Every structure is written in structure tokens, then in C-alpha cells.
Amino acid sequence: MRALLPLLSVVRGWRVGAAARPPRRVMSLYRTEERGHPHSKDYRLFFKNVAGHYISPFHDIPLKVDSPKNLFNMVVEIPRWTNAKMEISTEEPMNPIKQDVKSGKLRFIPNIFPHKGYIWNYGAFPQTWEDPYEKDNNTNCTGDNDPVDVCEIGSKVLSRGDVIQVKILGILALIDQGATDWKIITINVNDPEAEKFHDIDDVKKFKPGYLEATLNWFRLYKVPDGKPENKFAFNGEFKNKAFAIEVVNNAHECWKAMLMKKCDHGAISWPAEGIGSPKLEFSGFEPHGRCCESNTGLMEKQPVLLATKPSLQPSY
């Protein structure tokens, strides 16, 4: 346990042994800053590092925390039981979290009986990208041009903008309008029950019905908007941890390749601009994890500042 202390000290509050030790609050490596008003088209949630520099949650937060133990950083976009469809904006400078807009209206996910909103803490893995020009050998479909989606199944309702460390447990392959849209099943490493969960079978054992509810939710959540039920690869079967980690590692390699294309002016051949080329924003990002100190200038064009929030991560 002693060997875990440095790792646990930088993530959500933790405890050792019985509850005799008083709760601790630990400062995160990242802070968030809100601009505009919630549930409005100008709302943005920006990220800063500990030095106070604006960073991209898409590019600047590392994917892997501890490779030997397969721990990964997750950026929380949507807290459990909420309905607003929030997402990292891959097309805007600094890639803030914003609310999705369709047909000119802010997007809210309908409730799928008997649930309220999203049934997990929902978010994305940074430094991953589902390539829309590469067919996946498992699904025979291309990627959806977004970071890989993550469902965190722990017991706590997290906050938008939290950056947490998770264990990967399994994966579901949603096919969305002909594109592969992977859903990674994870648990916060600091969840009180995290030590029970090591693979997808543990979810079946310790949270019976949760995977079935997850499959049903993803199948139906677009139906109230008049769309057909969603389809899945593998007949909706959840694949195990090893399969999921391979998918995430591949998406990380796609992200690195995409980055090289942008940074090296054409190391990868993409369709010409205007012929289906992906729209992805890299303003302020430098290779090798260095954020630009000049990013502050980009913020002058953003909506009025509401608040700067340190990602204080309370103990369970």
C-alpha cells in the first residue's frame, strides 16, 4: 500500500484502512475556468495547468498515468444523472468543454426509463482520436473523428472538468451512422469498490444488470428524437479489458499520427481541405506536452469570465 501513496496523492481524495483517518482534500494537477453562462451557446469550460497556463484537455493532458498498471486519465464531460450533452470541442482553440448544438438548439439527452440522464460519469480519454479515414479491423467501420468515449461506473457523481485516474474494465462497440464509436467501461481508481474490479466479468458480478442497462441506454437514447435504435458490433457483446486497452492504445497512436500531420505539414496524407477533411483545432499546442504561455491572448475573444475553479478532489 505504501508504494501507492505517491500515485494516490495527486488524484481524488483517498483513504487508507479504516475511516479513522480524517478526510483529506488534495489539489488536482488541473484547474477549470468557466466562461459564459451554463446551458447557453456561449458557455465554455477551459482548463489550466498548475502554473496557470491555459491547456487543451484534448492534447495536453497525458493519456497514461501508470503504464505497467494500465491506469489512464479521464476527462469528465458529463456528470452522472445529468442531461446536457457536453463535450470537448475539438474544433475550437484550447478545446474547451461546451454544450453540443444541433439544428440551432442546445442538446439535452432524454431520460431513458427508468433512468435520469446519463447513467455513468461520462467523458473522454485525452490524447486519443478515432480516425475517420481508417477502418477498424474489428468493426469494419471508420472512426467517428472524436476522442474515445469513457463511461465511469464508480459510486460517486463527479463534476464536469474533473480529471481522474481510471482502470479500464471493458468496451462496447456502438456503430453511429456507420462510424465506430467505442465506449470504454472504467472505474475511478479511488472509488471505494475499485479494488473489486479488474475486468468486465467483475462488472457483471458486482453490479448485476449495469451492463444490460448500459447497452439498452445506448440503443435507445436517440429514439425519442425520432431516430432509429442504435446498432452495435459483436451483437452488443462487451469485450474484455485486454481488448479495450488495445483499442485505446490504437486510438492513441492515431492521435499521435494526426498530430504529426499537423506539426510536420503533411507527414500523413489526408483529403484536401473542403473534401471531408477533419476539423480539429491545435491552437496553442506544442508537441511533447508543452503548452504555450501565450494562450492567454486567445482568451480575450472568449465570453466573460465566470469563475476559476481549482479541481479540489474531496475524499470519499
C-alpha atoms as a PDB file:
ATOM      1  CA  MET A   1       0.000   0.000   0.000  1.00  0.00           C
ATOM      2  CA  ARG A   2       2.873   2.335   0.829  1.00  0.00           C
ATOM      3  CA  ALA A   3       4.048   2.150  -2.781  1.00  0.00           C
ATOM      4  CA  LEU A   4       0.688   3.551  -3.924  1.00  0.00           C
ATOM      5  CA  LEU A   5       0.844   6.712  -1.834  1.00  0.00           C
ATOM      6  CA  PRO A   6       2.633   8.941  -4.407  1.00  0.00           C
ATOM      7  CA  LEU A   7       0.127   7.894  -7.052  1.00  0.00           C
ATOM      8  CA  LEU A   8      -2.938   8.408  -4.893  1.00  0.00           C
ATOM      9  CA  SER A   9      -1.807  11.750  -3.551  1.00  0.00           C
ATOM     10  CA  VAL A  10      -2.387  13.548  -6.849  1.00  0.00           C
ATOM     11  CA  VAL A  11      -5.852  12.242  -7.591  1.00  0.00           C
ATOM     12  CA  ARG A  12      -9.219  12.333  -5.925  1.00  0.00           C
ATOM     13  CA  GLY A  13      -9.104  12.223  -2.136  1.00  0.00           C
ATOM     14  CA  TRP A  14      -8.138   8.859  -0.733  1.00  0.00           C
ATOM     15  CA  ARG A  15      -8.081   6.943   2.466  1.00  0.00           C
ATOM     16  CA  VAL A  16      -6.041   4.066   3.849  1.00  0.00           C
ATOM     17  CA  GLY A  17      -7.550   1.353   6.019  1.00  0.00           C
ATOM     18  CA  ALA A  18     -10.497   2.165   8.250  1.00  0.00           C
ATOM     19  CA  ALA A  19     -12.249   5.520   8.385  1.00  0.00           C
ATOM     20  CA  ALA A  20     -10.256   6.631  11.441  1.00  0.00           C
ATOM     21  CA  ARG A  21      -8.094   8.900   9.319  1.00  0.00           C
ATOM     22  CA  PRO A  22      -9.744  12.316   8.725  1.00  0.00           C
ATOM     23  CA  PRO A  23     -10.789  13.225   5.156  1.00  0.00           C
ATOM     24  CA  ARG A  24      -8.156  14.891   3.039  1.00  0.00           C
ATOM     25  CA  ARG A  25      -8.612  17.276   0.139  1.00  0.00           C
ATOM     26  CA  VAL A  26      -5.920  17.193  -2.493  1.00  0.00           C
ATOM     27  CA  MET A  27      -5.309  19.756  -5.200  1.00  0.00           C
ATOM     28  CA  SER A  28      -5.549  18.405  -8.723  1.00  0.00           C
ATOM     29  CA  LEU A  29      -2.917  18.930 -11.376  1.00  0.00           C
ATOM     30  CA  TYR A  30      -5.515  20.907 -13.337  1.00  0.00           C
ATOM     31  CA  ARG A  31      -7.933  23.770 -12.806  1.00  0.00           C
ATOM     32  CA  THR A  32     -11.038  24.721 -14.747  1.00  0.00           C
ATOM     33  CA  GLU A  33     -12.372  28.132 -15.692  1.00  0.00           C
ATOM     34  CA  GLU A  34     -15.940  28.804 -16.798  1.00  0.00           C
ATOM     35  CA  ARG A  35     -16.807  31.360 -19.452  1.00  0.00           C
ATOM     36  CA  GLY A  36     -20.339  32.338 -20.434  1.00  0.00           C
ATOM     37  CA  HIS A  37     -23.477  31.043 -18.758  1.00  0.00           C
ATOM     38  CA  PRO A  38     -24.391  27.363 -18.260  1.00  0.00           C
ATOM     39  CA  HIS A  39     -26.949  25.984 -20.707  1.00  0.00           C
ATOM     40  CA  SER A  40     -26.178  28.719 -23.211  1.00  0.00           C
ATOM     41  CA  LYS A  41     -24.419  28.577 -26.568  1.00  0.00           C
ATOM     42  CA  ASP A  42     -21.552  30.723 -25.306  1.00  0.00           C
ATOM     43  CA  TYR A  43     -20.739  28.549 -22.283  1.00  0.00           C
ATOM     44  CA  ARG A  44     -17.186  27.159 -22.247  1.00  0.00           C
ATOM     45  CA  LEU A  45     -15.164  25.305 -19.618  1.00  0.00           C
ATOM     46  CA  PHE A  46     -11.433  25.880 -20.100  1.00  0.00           C
ATOM     47  CA  PHE A  47      -8.553  24.032 -18.478  1.00  0.00           C
ATOM     48  CA  LYS A  48      -5.377  25.339 -16.844  1.00  0.00           C
ATOM     49  CA  ASN A  49      -2.293  23.626 -15.510  1.00  0.00           C
ATOM     50  CA  VAL A  50      -0.771  24.246 -12.078  1.00  0.00           C
ATOM     51  CA  ALA A  51       1.262  27.156 -13.492  1.00  0.00           C
ATOM     52  CA  GLY A  52      -1.964  28.894 -14.517  1.00  0.00           C
ATOM     53  CA  HIS A  53      -1.441  28.452 -18.257  1.00  0.00           C
ATOM     54  CA  TYR A  54      -4.389  27.516 -20.451  1.00  0.00           C
ATOM     55  CA  ILE A  55      -4.095  23.994 -21.825  1.00  0.00           C
ATOM     56  CA  SER A  56      -6.058  21.683 -24.081  1.00  0.00           C
ATOM     57  CA  PRO A  57      -7.832  18.744 -22.412  1.00  0.00           C
ATOM     58  CA  PHE A  58      -7.645  17.001 -25.791  1.00  0.00           C
ATOM     59  CA  HIS A  59      -3.884  17.347 -26.340  1.00  0.00           C
ATOM     60  CA  ASP A  60      -2.056  18.487 -23.193  1.00  0.00           C
ATOM     61  CA  ILE A  61      -3.341  16.055 -20.549  1.00  0.00           C
ATOM     62  CA  PRO A  62      -1.463  12.756 -20.864  1.00  0.00           C
ATOM     63  CA  LEU A  63      -3.451   9.622 -21.621  1.00  0.00           C
ATOM     64  CA  LYS A  64      -1.467   7.242 -19.443  1.00  0.00           C
ATOM     65  CA  VAL A  65      -0.776   7.682 -15.753  1.00  0.00           C
ATOM     66  CA  ASP A  66       0.978   4.424 -14.990  1.00  0.00           C
ATOM     67  CA  SER A  67       1.589   2.190 -17.989  1.00  0.00           C
ATOM     68  CA  PRO A  68       2.592  -1.000 -16.081  1.00  0.00           C
ATOM     69  CA  LYS A  69      -0.619  -0.809 -14.050  1.00  0.00           C
ATOM     70  CA  ASN A  70      -2.711   0.345 -17.020  1.00  0.00           C
ATOM     71  CA  LEU A  71      -4.030   3.496 -15.350  1.00  0.00           C
ATOM     72  CA  PHE A  72      -5.420   6.232 -17.577  1.00  0.00           C
ATOM     73  CA  ASN A  73      -6.553   9.842 -17.243  1.00  0.00           C
ATOM     74  CA  MET A  74     -10.220  10.511 -17.951  1.00  0.00           C
ATOM     75  CA  VAL A  75     -11.670  13.973 -18.566  1.00  0.00           C
ATOM     76  CA  VAL A  76     -15.222  14.132 -17.182  1.00  0.00           C
ATOM     77  CA  GLU A  77     -17.559  15.944 -19.568  1.00  0.00           C
ATOM     78  CA  ILE A  78     -20.958  14.888 -18.186  1.00  0.00           C
ATOM     79  CA  PRO A  79     -21.682  14.039 -14.537  1.00  0.00           C
ATOM     80  CA  ARG A  80     -23.958  11.083 -13.868  1.00  0.00           C
ATOM     81  CA  TRP A  81     -27.720  11.793 -13.773  1.00  0.00           C
ATOM     82  CA  THR A  82     -27.428  14.989 -15.854  1.00  0.00           C
ATOM     83  CA  ASN A  83     -28.880  15.541 -19.333  1.00  0.00           C
ATOM     84  CA  ALA A  84     -26.897  18.345 -21.004  1.00  0.00           C
ATOM     85  CA  LYS A  85     -24.784  16.887 -23.837  1.00  0.00           C
ATOM     86  CA  MET A  86     -21.386  18.379 -23.037  1.00  0.00           C
ATOM     87  CA  GLU A  87     -18.233  17.547 -24.980  1.00  0.00           C
ATOM     88  CA  ILE A  88     -14.667  18.592 -25.638  1.00  0.00           C
ATOM     89  CA  SER A  89     -14.780  20.918 -28.618  1.00  0.00           C
ATOM     90  CA  THR A  90     -12.168  19.559 -30.997  1.00  0.00           C
ATOM     91  CA  GLU A  91     -12.704  22.452 -33.425  1.00  0.00           C
ATOM     92  CA  GLU A  92     -12.080  25.411 -31.085  1.00  0.00           C
ATOM     93  CA  PRO A  93      -8.852  26.928 -29.717  1.00  0.00           C
ATOM     94  CA  MET A  94      -7.802  25.213 -26.469  1.00  0.00           C
ATOM     95  CA  ASN A  95     -10.579  22.639 -26.955  1.00  0.00           C
ATOM     96  CA  PRO A  96     -12.875  23.698 -24.085  1.00  0.00           C
ATOM     97  CA  ILE A  97     -15.886  21.687 -22.973  1.00  0.00           C
ATOM     98  CA  LYS A  98     -19.100  23.114 -24.403  1.00  0.00           C
ATOM     99  CA  GLN A  99     -22.693  22.019 -24.877  1.00  0.00           C
ATOM    100  CA  ASP A 100     -23.451  20.331 -28.174  1.00  0.00           C
ATOM    101  CA  VAL A 101     -25.789  22.176 -30.543  1.00  0.00           C
ATOM    102  CA  LYS A 102     -27.934  20.520 -33.203  1.00  0.00           C
ATOM    103  CA  SER A 103     -30.304  22.291 -35.557  1.00  0.00           C
ATOM    104  CA  GLY A 104     -29.540  25.518 -33.723  1.00  0.00           C
ATOM    105  CA  LYS A 105     -30.671  24.187 -30.338  1.00  0.00           C
ATOM    106  CA  LEU A 106     -28.709  23.156 -27.286  1.00  0.00           C
ATOM    107  CA  ARG A 107     -28.719  19.409 -26.967  1.00  0.00           C
ATOM    108  CA  PHE A 108     -30.164  17.595 -23.946  1.00  0.00           C
ATOM    109  CA  ILE A 109     -30.295  13.814 -23.781  1.00  0.00           C
ATOM    110  CA  PRO A 110     -33.794  12.489 -22.980  1.00  0.00           C
ATOM    111  CA  ASN A 111     -34.397  10.283 -19.968  1.00  0.00           C
ATOM    112  CA  ILE A 112     -34.446   6.587 -20.820  1.00  0.00           C
ATOM    113  CA  PHE A 113     -36.855   4.907 -18.394  1.00  0.00           C
ATOM    114  CA  PRO A 114     -36.228   4.271 -15.554  1.00  0.00           C
ATOM    115  CA  HIS A 115     -33.054   6.370 -15.579  1.00  0.00           C
ATOM    116  CA  LYS A 116     -32.388  10.105 -15.230  1.00  0.00           C
ATOM    117  CA  GLY A 117     -29.886  11.397 -17.795  1.00  0.00           C
ATOM    118  CA  TYR A 118     -26.553   9.657 -18.207  1.00  0.00           C
ATOM    119  CA  ILE A 119     -26.217   6.543 -16.061  1.00  0.00           C
ATOM    120  CA  TRP A 120     -22.428   6.880 -15.600  1.00  0.00           C
ATOM    121  CA  ASN A 121     -19.966   9.703 -15.324  1.00  0.00           C
ATOM    122  CA  TYR A 122     -19.272  10.236 -18.996  1.00  0.00           C
ATOM    123  CA  GLY A 123     -16.226  11.716 -20.654  1.00  0.00           C
ATOM    124  CA  ALA A 124     -13.226  11.078 -22.864  1.00  0.00           C
ATOM    125  CA  PHE A 125      -9.665   9.854 -22.887  1.00  0.00           C
ATOM    126  CA  PRO A 126      -7.228  12.684 -23.753  1.00  0.00           C
ATOM    127  CA  GLN A 127      -4.659  12.131 -26.484  1.00  0.00           C
ATOM    128  CA  THR A 128      -6.886   9.650 -28.316  1.00  0.00           C
ATOM    129  CA  TRP A 129      -8.609  10.015 -31.655  1.00  0.00           C
ATOM    130  CA  GLU A 130     -10.895   7.739 -33.652  1.00  0.00           C
ATOM    131  CA  ASP A 131      -9.588   8.182 -37.178  1.00  0.00           C
ATOM    132  CA  PRO A 132     -12.424   8.798 -39.695  1.00  0.00           C
ATOM    133  CA  TYR A 133     -10.194   7.554 -42.542  1.00  0.00           C
ATOM    134  CA  GLU A 134      -9.048   4.283 -41.004  1.00  0.00           C
ATOM    135  CA  LYS A 135     -11.307   1.246 -40.975  1.00  0.00           C
ATOM    136  CA  ASP A 136     -11.270  -0.702 -37.760  1.00  0.00           C
ATOM    137  CA  ASN A 137     -10.440  -4.355 -38.394  1.00  0.00           C
ATOM    138  CA  ASN A 138     -12.932  -5.459 -35.749  1.00  0.00           C
ATOM    139  CA  THR A 139     -15.953  -3.414 -36.824  1.00  0.00           C
ATOM    140  CA  ASN A 140     -15.127  -2.764 -40.494  1.00  0.00           C
ATOM    141  CA  CYS A 141     -16.157   0.857 -39.886  1.00  0.00           C
ATOM    142  CA  THR A 142     -14.108   4.042 -39.706  1.00  0.00           C
ATOM    143  CA  GLY A 143     -13.728   6.133 -36.559  1.00  0.00           C
ATOM    144  CA  ASP A 144     -16.034   8.980 -35.537  1.00  0.00           C
ATOM    145  CA  ASN A 145     -13.411  11.795 -35.556  1.00  0.00           C
ATOM    146  CA  ASP A 146     -13.534  12.280 -31.766  1.00  0.00           C
ATOM    147  CA  PRO A 147     -11.573  11.278 -28.678  1.00  0.00           C
ATOM    148  CA  VAL A 148     -12.525   7.871 -27.273  1.00  0.00           C
ATOM    149  CA  ASP A 149     -15.617   7.973 -25.032  1.00  0.00           C
ATOM    150  CA  VAL A 150     -15.442   6.744 -21.438  1.00  0.00           C
ATOM    151  CA  CYS A 151     -18.138   5.526 -19.029  1.00  0.00           C
ATOM    152  CA  GLU A 152     -17.025   5.620 -15.371  1.00  0.00           C
ATOM    153  CA  ILE A 153     -19.150   3.317 -13.216  1.00  0.00           C
ATOM    154  CA  GLY A 154     -17.975   4.220  -9.706  1.00  0.00           C
ATOM    155  CA  SER A 155     -20.211   5.210  -6.806  1.00  0.00           C
ATOM    156  CA  LYS A 156     -19.557   8.980  -6.818  1.00  0.00           C
ATOM    157  CA  VAL A 157     -21.170  11.620  -9.013  1.00  0.00           C
ATOM    158  CA  LEU A 158     -18.202  13.538 -10.408  1.00  0.00           C
ATOM    159  CA  SER A 159     -18.027  17.133 -11.650  1.00  0.00           C
ATOM    160  CA  ARG A 160     -17.672  18.486 -15.153  1.00  0.00           C
ATOM    161  CA  GLY A 161     -13.996  19.105 -15.823  1.00  0.00           C
ATOM    162  CA  ASP A 162     -12.690  16.601 -13.282  1.00  0.00           C
ATOM    163  CA  VAL A 163      -9.574  14.774 -14.423  1.00  0.00           C
ATOM    164  CA  ILE A 164      -9.496  11.383 -12.725  1.00  0.00           C
ATOM    165  CA  GLN A 165      -7.430   8.233 -12.957  1.00  0.00           C
ATOM    166  CA  VAL A 166      -9.328   5.147 -14.049  1.00  0.00           C
ATOM    167  CA  LYS A 167      -8.915   1.422 -14.505  1.00  0.00           C
ATOM    168  CA  ILE A 168     -10.136   0.068 -17.835  1.00  0.00           C
ATOM    169  CA  LEU A 169     -12.541  -2.862 -17.455  1.00  0.00           C
ATOM    170  CA  GLY A 170     -14.068  -3.471 -20.871  1.00  0.00           C
ATOM    171  CA  ILE A 171     -15.546  -1.969 -24.013  1.00  0.00           C
ATOM    172  CA  LEU A 172     -18.709  -1.720 -26.123  1.00  0.00           C
ATOM    173  CA  ALA A 173     -18.678  -1.036 -29.868  1.00  0.00           C
ATOM    174  CA  LEU A 174     -21.504   1.339 -30.820  1.00  0.00           C
ATOM    175  CA  ILE A 175     -21.970   1.935 -34.548  1.00  0.00           C
ATOM    176  CA  ASP A 176     -23.170   5.521 -35.007  1.00  0.00           C
ATOM    177  CA  GLN A 177     -24.213   6.479 -38.536  1.00  0.00           C
ATOM    178  CA  GLY A 178     -21.750   3.999 -39.990  1.00  0.00           C
ATOM    179  CA  ALA A 179     -18.831   5.048 -37.747  1.00  0.00           C
ATOM    180  CA  THR A 180     -17.256   3.165 -34.850  1.00  0.00           C
ATOM    181  CA  ASP A 181     -17.948   4.914 -31.542  1.00  0.00           C
ATOM    182  CA  TRP A 182     -16.179   2.942 -28.829  1.00  0.00           C
ATOM    183  CA  LYS A 183     -17.486   3.154 -25.242  1.00  0.00           C
ATOM    184  CA  ILE A 184     -14.846   2.224 -22.662  1.00  0.00           C
ATOM    185  CA  ILE A 185     -16.113   0.899 -19.310  1.00  0.00           C
ATOM    186  CA  THR A 186     -13.925   2.112 -16.445  1.00  0.00           C
ATOM    187  CA  ILE A 187     -13.872   2.759 -12.701  1.00  0.00           C
ATOM    188  CA  ASN A 188     -12.194   5.545 -10.748  1.00  0.00           C
ATOM    189  CA  VAL A 189      -9.107   4.094  -9.037  1.00  0.00           C
ATOM    190  CA  ASN A 190     -10.156   5.871  -5.832  1.00  0.00           C
ATOM    191  CA  ASP A 191     -13.688   4.542  -5.755  1.00  0.00           C
ATOM    192  CA  PRO A 192     -14.328   2.618  -2.505  1.00  0.00           C
ATOM    193  CA  GLU A 193     -15.081  -0.509  -4.548  1.00  0.00           C
ATOM    194  CA  ALA A 194     -12.314  -0.133  -7.141  1.00  0.00           C
ATOM    195  CA  GLU A 195     -10.233  -2.996  -5.735  1.00  0.00           C
ATOM    196  CA  LYS A 196     -13.039  -5.423  -6.618  1.00  0.00           C
ATOM    197  CA  PHE A 197     -12.961  -4.554 -10.311  1.00  0.00           C
ATOM    198  CA  HIS A 198     -10.293  -5.869 -12.676  1.00  0.00           C
ATOM    199  CA  ASP A 199     -12.138  -6.934 -15.834  1.00  0.00           C
ATOM    200  CA  ILE A 200     -15.556  -6.850 -17.458  1.00  0.00           C
ATOM    201  CA  ASP A 201     -16.727 -10.006 -15.656  1.00  0.00           C
ATOM    202  CA  ASP A 202     -16.331  -8.191 -12.347  1.00  0.00           C
ATOM    203  CA  VAL A 203     -18.911  -5.651 -13.501  1.00  0.00           C
ATOM    204  CA  LYS A 204     -21.321  -8.497 -14.181  1.00  0.00           C
ATOM    205  CA  LYS A 205     -20.599  -9.959 -10.755  1.00  0.00           C
ATOM    206  CA  PHE A 206     -20.621  -6.885  -8.522  1.00  0.00           C
ATOM    207  CA  LYS A 207     -23.003  -4.628 -10.466  1.00  0.00           C
ATOM    208  CA  PRO A 208     -25.537  -7.066 -11.911  1.00  0.00           C
ATOM    209  CA  GLY A 209     -27.715  -5.510 -14.582  1.00  0.00           C
ATOM    210  CA  TYR A 210     -25.451  -2.496 -15.131  1.00  0.00           C
ATOM    211  CA  LEU A 211     -24.036  -3.688 -18.453  1.00  0.00           C
ATOM    212  CA  GLU A 212     -27.505  -4.629 -19.685  1.00  0.00           C
ATOM    213  CA  ALA A 213     -28.738  -1.152 -18.700  1.00  0.00           C
ATOM    214  CA  THR A 214     -25.766   0.396 -20.481  1.00  0.00           C
ATOM    215  CA  LEU A 215     -26.480  -1.492 -23.690  1.00  0.00           C
ATOM    216  CA  ASN A 216     -30.171  -0.597 -23.530  1.00  0.00           C
ATOM    217  CA  TRP A 217     -29.386   3.076 -22.853  1.00  0.00           C
ATOM    218  CA  PHE A 218     -27.093   3.389 -25.855  1.00  0.00           C
ATOM    219  CA  ARG A 219     -29.568   1.512 -28.030  1.00  0.00           C
ATOM    220  CA  LEU A 220     -32.487   3.802 -27.206  1.00  0.00           C
ATOM    221  CA  TYR A 221     -31.228   7.270 -26.312  1.00  0.00           C
ATOM    222  CA  LYS A 222     -31.819   8.722 -29.795  1.00  0.00           C
ATOM    223  CA  VAL A 223     -35.244   7.145 -30.293  1.00  0.00           C
ATOM    224  CA  PRO A 224     -37.197   9.946 -28.506  1.00  0.00           C
ATOM    225  CA  ASP A 225     -35.773  12.344 -31.110  1.00  0.00           C
ATOM    226  CA  GLY A 226     -37.338  10.304 -33.891  1.00  0.00           C
ATOM    227  CA  LYS A 227     -34.212   8.358 -34.853  1.00  0.00           C
ATOM    228  CA  PRO A 228     -33.894   4.571 -35.155  1.00  0.00           C
ATOM    229  CA  GLU A 229     -32.315   2.410 -32.485  1.00  0.00           C
ATOM    230  CA  ASN A 230     -28.536   2.358 -32.491  1.00  0.00           C
ATOM    231  CA  LYS A 231     -26.622  -0.691 -33.688  1.00  0.00           C
ATOM    232  CA  PHE A 232     -23.583  -2.429 -32.233  1.00  0.00           C
ATOM    233  CA  ALA A 233     -20.692  -4.535 -33.408  1.00  0.00           C
ATOM    234  CA  PHE A 234     -20.317  -8.038 -31.911  1.00  0.00           C
ATOM    235  CA  ASN A 235     -24.117  -8.167 -31.422  1.00  0.00           C
ATOM    236  CA  GLY A 236     -23.791  -5.841 -28.452  1.00  0.00           C
ATOM    237  CA  GLU A 237     -21.290  -8.033 -26.606  1.00  0.00           C
ATOM    238  CA  PHE A 238     -18.989  -6.271 -24.154  1.00  0.00           C
ATOM    239  CA  LYS A 239     -15.349  -7.128 -24.810  1.00  0.00           C
ATOM    240  CA  ASN A 240     -12.826  -7.557 -22.010  1.00  0.00           C
ATOM    241  CA  LYS A 241     -10.095  -5.361 -20.549  1.00  0.00           C
ATOM    242  CA  ALA A 242      -7.320  -6.596 -22.855  1.00  0.00           C
ATOM    243  CA  PHE A 243      -9.422  -5.860 -25.931  1.00  0.00           C
ATOM    244  CA  ALA A 244     -10.334  -2.410 -24.587  1.00  0.00           C
ATOM    245  CA  ILE A 245      -6.732  -1.450 -23.816  1.00  0.00           C
ATOM    246  CA  GLU A 246      -5.705  -2.446 -27.327  1.00  0.00           C
ATOM    247  CA  VAL A 247      -8.411  -0.174 -28.763  1.00  0.00           C
ATOM    248  CA  VAL A 248      -7.314   2.743 -26.562  1.00  0.00           C
ATOM    249  CA  ASN A 249      -3.649   2.264 -27.446  1.00  0.00           C
ATOM    250  CA  ASN A 250      -4.519   2.233 -31.130  1.00  0.00           C
ATOM    251  CA  ALA A 251      -6.547   5.446 -30.738  1.00  0.00           C
ATOM    252  CA  HIS A 252      -3.535   6.994 -29.000  1.00  0.00           C
ATOM    253  CA  GLU A 253      -1.343   6.052 -31.957  1.00  0.00           C
ATOM    254  CA  CYS A 254      -3.924   7.602 -34.310  1.00  0.00           C
ATOM    255  CA  TRP A 255      -3.796  10.792 -32.228  1.00  0.00           C
ATOM    256  CA  LYS A 256      -0.005  10.892 -32.461  1.00  0.00           C
ATOM    257  CA  ALA A 257      -0.124  10.317 -36.205  1.00  0.00           C
ATOM    258  CA  MET A 258      -2.745  13.043 -36.612  1.00  0.00           C
ATOM    259  CA  LEU A 259      -0.596  15.379 -34.542  1.00  0.00           C
ATOM    260  CA  MET A 260       2.452  14.665 -36.700  1.00  0.00           C
ATOM    261  CA  LYS A 261       0.411  15.532 -39.763  1.00  0.00           C
ATOM    262  CA  LYS A 262      -0.446  18.926 -38.276  1.00  0.00           C
ATOM    263  CA  CYS A 263       3.004  19.653 -36.849  1.00  0.00           C
ATOM    264  CA  ASP A 264       5.072  18.382 -39.778  1.00  0.00           C
ATOM    265  CA  HIS A 265       2.890  19.882 -42.526  1.00  0.00           C
ATOM    266  CA  GLY A 266       1.769  16.753 -44.260  1.00  0.00           C
ATOM    267  CA  ALA A 267       3.569  13.746 -42.815  1.00  0.00           C
ATOM    268  CA  ILE A 268       0.229  11.979 -43.252  1.00  0.00           C
ATOM    269  CA  SER A 269      -1.824  12.283 -46.404  1.00  0.00           C
ATOM    270  CA  TRP A 270      -5.372  13.443 -45.720  1.00  0.00           C
ATOM    271  CA  PRO A 271      -8.058  14.525 -48.164  1.00  0.00           C
ATOM    272  CA  ALA A 272      -7.761  18.136 -49.242  1.00  0.00           C
ATOM    273  CA  GLU A 273      -9.478  20.812 -47.133  1.00  0.00           C
ATOM    274  CA  GLY A 274     -13.126  21.029 -48.064  1.00  0.00           C
ATOM    275  CA  ILE A 275     -13.345  17.385 -49.160  1.00  0.00           C
ATOM    276  CA  GLY A 276     -14.191  15.769 -45.877  1.00  0.00           C
ATOM    277  CA  SER A 277     -11.000  16.734 -44.067  1.00  0.00           C
ATOM    278  CA  PRO A 278     -11.435  16.577 -40.275  1.00  0.00           C
ATOM    279  CA  LYS A 279     -11.799  19.886 -38.459  1.00  0.00           C
ATOM    280  CA  LEU A 280      -9.524  19.770 -35.428  1.00  0.00           C
ATOM    281  CA  GLU A 281      -8.050  22.720 -33.574  1.00  0.00           C
ATOM    282  CA  PHE A 282      -4.437  22.799 -32.383  1.00  0.00           C
ATOM    283  CA  SER A 283      -4.071  26.480 -31.484  1.00  0.00           C
ATOM    284  CA  GLY A 284      -1.636  26.934 -28.619  1.00  0.00           C
ATOM    285  CA  PHE A 285      -0.494  23.327 -28.566  1.00  0.00           C
ATOM    286  CA  GLU A 286       3.140  22.381 -28.965  1.00  0.00           C
ATOM    287  CA  PRO A 287       4.454  18.830 -29.350  1.00  0.00           C
ATOM    288  CA  HIS A 288       5.925  16.905 -26.423  1.00  0.00           C
ATOM    289  CA  GLY A 289       3.381  18.162 -23.886  1.00  0.00           C
ATOM    290  CA  ARG A 290       4.428  21.827 -23.715  1.00  0.00           C
ATOM    291  CA  CYS A 291       1.599  24.362 -23.556  1.00  0.00           C
ATOM    292  CA  CYS A 292       2.144  27.879 -24.810  1.00  0.00           C
ATOM    293  CA  GLU A 293       2.313  30.694 -22.283  1.00  0.00           C
ATOM    294  CA  SER A 294       0.848  32.961 -24.961  1.00  0.00           C
ATOM    295  CA  ASN A 295      -2.504  31.152 -24.830  1.00  0.00           C
ATOM    296  CA  THR A 296      -3.871  33.907 -22.604  1.00  0.00           C
ATOM    297  CA  GLY A 297      -4.217  36.113 -25.674  1.00  0.00           C
ATOM    298  CA  LEU A 298      -6.673  33.647 -27.174  1.00  0.00           C
ATOM    299  CA  MET A 299      -8.950  34.086 -24.175  1.00  0.00           C
ATOM    300  CA  GLU A 300      -9.601  37.757 -24.825  1.00  0.00           C
ATOM    301  CA  LYS A 301     -12.044  36.701 -27.539  1.00  0.00           C
ATOM    302  CA  GLN A 302     -13.952  34.358 -25.216  1.00  0.00           C
ATOM    303  CA  PRO A 303     -17.166  35.133 -23.268  1.00  0.00           C
ATOM    304  CA  VAL A 304     -16.937  36.877 -19.909  1.00  0.00           C
ATOM    305  CA  LEU A 305     -15.133  35.000 -17.152  1.00  0.00           C
ATOM    306  CA  LEU A 306     -17.431  33.444 -14.539  1.00  0.00           C
ATOM    307  CA  ALA A 307     -15.066  31.681 -12.176  1.00  0.00           C
ATOM    308  CA  THR A 308     -11.782  29.856 -11.871  1.00  0.00           C
ATOM    309  CA  LYS A 309     -12.232  26.561 -10.071  1.00  0.00           C
ATOM    310  CA  PRO A 310      -9.407  24.502  -8.656  1.00  0.00           C
ATOM    311  CA  SER A 311     -10.220  20.868  -9.178  1.00  0.00           C
ATOM    312  CA  LEU A 312     -10.300  20.096  -5.485  1.00  0.00           C
ATOM    313  CA  GLN A 313     -10.877  16.417  -5.211  1.00  0.00           C
ATOM    314  CA  PRO A 314     -12.605  15.509  -1.918  1.00  0.00           C
ATOM    315  CA  SER A 315     -12.160  12.266  -0.065  1.00  0.00           C
ATOM    316  CA  TYR A 316     -14.810   9.594  -0.196  1.00  0.00           C
END
